[in-house]
């Protein structure tokens, strides 16, 4: 997994703040919560939600055989 500071998934172009993901687990922290989610393209993501908002701090590649990354914005 790699750290990310972008605002869209580098694999499918979907906005990180969008809703095409499945929440796999949610854990309370001292400053907010950590969520393990799956993007619509299948990429596993670790999201931190706190007073600064939501940010994806780590993500994997989509599973093998999934659709290739799209350039620009998502066409979903």
C-alpha atoms as a PDB file:
ATOM      1  CA  UNK A   1       0.000   0.000   0.000  1.00  0.00           C
ATOM      2  CA  UNK A   2       1.118   3.513  -0.657  1.00  0.00           C
ATOM      3  CA  UNK A   3       0.452   6.822   1.045  1.00  0.00           C
ATOM      4  CA  UNK A   4      -1.657   9.272  -0.919  1.00  0.00           C
ATOM      5  CA  UNK A   5      -2.358  12.954  -0.766  1.00  0.00           C
ATOM      6  CA  UNK A   6      -4.530  13.091  -3.896  1.00  0.00           C
ATOM      7  CA  UNK A   7      -8.232  13.734  -3.957  1.00  0.00           C
ATOM      8  CA  UNK A   8      -9.136  11.023  -6.475  1.00  0.00           C
ATOM      9  CA  UNK A   9      -8.384   7.329  -6.797  1.00  0.00           C
ATOM     10  CA  UNK A  10      -5.336   6.997  -9.069  1.00  0.00           C
ATOM     11  CA  UNK A  11      -6.730   3.724 -10.428  1.00  0.00           C
ATOM     12  CA  UNK A  12     -10.244   4.735 -11.495  1.00  0.00           C
ATOM     13  CA  UNK A  13     -10.399   8.517 -10.995  1.00  0.00           C
ATOM     14  CA  UNK A  14     -13.319   8.432  -8.556  1.00  0.00           C
ATOM     15  CA  UNK A  15     -13.234  11.260  -5.946  1.00  0.00           C
ATOM     16  CA  UNK A  16     -11.981  10.155  -2.524  1.00  0.00           C
ATOM     17  CA  UNK A  17     -14.952  11.947  -0.940  1.00  0.00           C
ATOM     18  CA  UNK A  18     -17.405  10.092  -3.211  1.00  0.00           C
ATOM     19  CA  UNK A  19     -19.596   7.192  -2.158  1.00  0.00           C
ATOM     20  CA  UNK A  20     -18.743   4.230  -4.431  1.00  0.00           C
ATOM     21  CA  UNK A  21     -17.040   2.350  -1.652  1.00  0.00           C
ATOM     22  CA  UNK A  22     -17.860  -0.307   0.864  1.00  0.00           C
ATOM     23  CA  UNK A  23     -16.946   0.292   4.501  1.00  0.00           C
ATOM     24  CA  UNK A  24     -15.188  -2.869   5.676  1.00  0.00           C
ATOM     25  CA  UNK A  25     -14.483  -1.725   9.239  1.00  0.00           C
ATOM     26  CA  UNK A  26     -14.607   1.433  11.317  1.00  0.00           C
ATOM     27  CA  UNK A  27     -12.491   2.100  14.419  1.00  0.00           C
ATOM     28  CA  UNK A  28     -12.715   5.001  16.881  1.00  0.00           C
ATOM     29  CA  UNK A  29      -9.480   6.859  17.647  1.00  0.00           C
ATOM     30  CA  UNK A  30      -8.634   9.617  20.111  1.00  0.00           C
ATOM     31  CA  UNK A  31      -9.111  12.242  17.384  1.00  0.00           C
ATOM     32  CA  UNK A  32     -11.871  10.725  15.231  1.00  0.00           C
ATOM     33  CA  UNK A  33     -11.970   7.396  13.420  1.00  0.00           C
ATOM     34  CA  UNK A  34     -10.126   5.170  10.979  1.00  0.00           C
ATOM     35  CA  UNK A  35     -12.072   3.376   8.230  1.00  0.00           C
ATOM     36  CA  UNK A  36     -10.988   0.503   6.012  1.00  0.00           C
ATOM     37  CA  UNK A  37     -12.944   0.824   2.766  1.00  0.00           C
ATOM     38  CA  UNK A  38     -13.020  -0.566  -0.744  1.00  0.00           C
ATOM     39  CA  UNK A  39     -13.266   1.810  -3.713  1.00  0.00           C
ATOM     40  CA  UNK A  40     -15.632   1.024  -6.585  1.00  0.00           C
ATOM     41  CA  UNK A  41     -12.612  -0.232  -8.590  1.00  0.00           C
ATOM     42  CA  UNK A  42     -11.652  -2.676  -5.815  1.00  0.00           C
ATOM     43  CA  UNK A  43      -8.750  -0.717  -4.323  1.00  0.00           C
ATOM     44  CA  UNK A  44      -8.484  -1.197  -0.537  1.00  0.00           C
ATOM     45  CA  UNK A  45      -8.228   2.157   1.262  1.00  0.00           C
ATOM     46  CA  UNK A  46      -7.454   3.368   4.774  1.00  0.00           C
ATOM     47  CA  UNK A  47      -9.335   6.586   5.533  1.00  0.00           C
ATOM     48  CA  UNK A  48      -8.833   8.893   8.496  1.00  0.00           C
ATOM     49  CA  UNK A  49     -11.802  11.017   9.525  1.00  0.00           C
ATOM     50  CA  UNK A  50     -11.056  13.702  12.119  1.00  0.00           C
ATOM     51  CA  UNK A  51     -11.362  17.427  12.742  1.00  0.00           C
ATOM     52  CA  UNK A  52      -9.446  18.085   9.502  1.00  0.00           C
ATOM     53  CA  UNK A  53     -11.987  16.135   7.442  1.00  0.00           C
ATOM     54  CA  UNK A  54     -11.621  12.902   5.486  1.00  0.00           C
ATOM     55  CA  UNK A  55      -8.407  11.788   3.823  1.00  0.00           C
ATOM     56  CA  UNK A  56      -7.170   8.561   2.306  1.00  0.00           C
ATOM     57  CA  UNK A  57      -3.818   7.813   3.952  1.00  0.00           C
ATOM     58  CA  UNK A  58      -3.091   4.494   2.250  1.00  0.00           C
ATOM     59  CA  UNK A  59      -4.475   2.468  -0.656  1.00  0.00           C
ATOM     60  CA  UNK A  60      -3.710  -0.686  -2.609  1.00  0.00           C
ATOM     61  CA  UNK A  61      -3.992  -1.435  -6.281  1.00  0.00           C
ATOM     62  CA  UNK A  62      -7.253  -2.955  -7.525  1.00  0.00           C
ATOM     63  CA  UNK A  63      -7.324  -6.757  -7.760  1.00  0.00           C
ATOM     64  CA  UNK A  64      -5.776  -8.349 -10.854  1.00  0.00           C
ATOM     65  CA  UNK A  65      -8.062  -8.397 -13.864  1.00  0.00           C
ATOM     66  CA  UNK A  66      -9.980  -5.255 -12.917  1.00  0.00           C
ATOM     67  CA  UNK A  67     -10.530  -2.359 -15.309  1.00  0.00           C
ATOM     68  CA  UNK A  68      -7.470  -0.228 -16.135  1.00  0.00           C
ATOM     69  CA  UNK A  69      -7.088   3.264 -14.703  1.00  0.00           C
ATOM     70  CA  UNK A  70      -8.898   6.041 -16.519  1.00  0.00           C
ATOM     71  CA  UNK A  71      -7.311   9.393 -17.165  1.00  0.00           C
ATOM     72  CA  UNK A  72      -9.127  12.556 -16.154  1.00  0.00           C
ATOM     73  CA  UNK A  73     -12.362  12.340 -14.232  1.00  0.00           C
ATOM     74  CA  UNK A  74     -14.380   9.209 -13.658  1.00  0.00           C
ATOM     75  CA  UNK A  75     -17.096   8.348 -16.127  1.00  0.00           C
ATOM     76  CA  UNK A  76     -19.404   6.557 -13.726  1.00  0.00           C
END
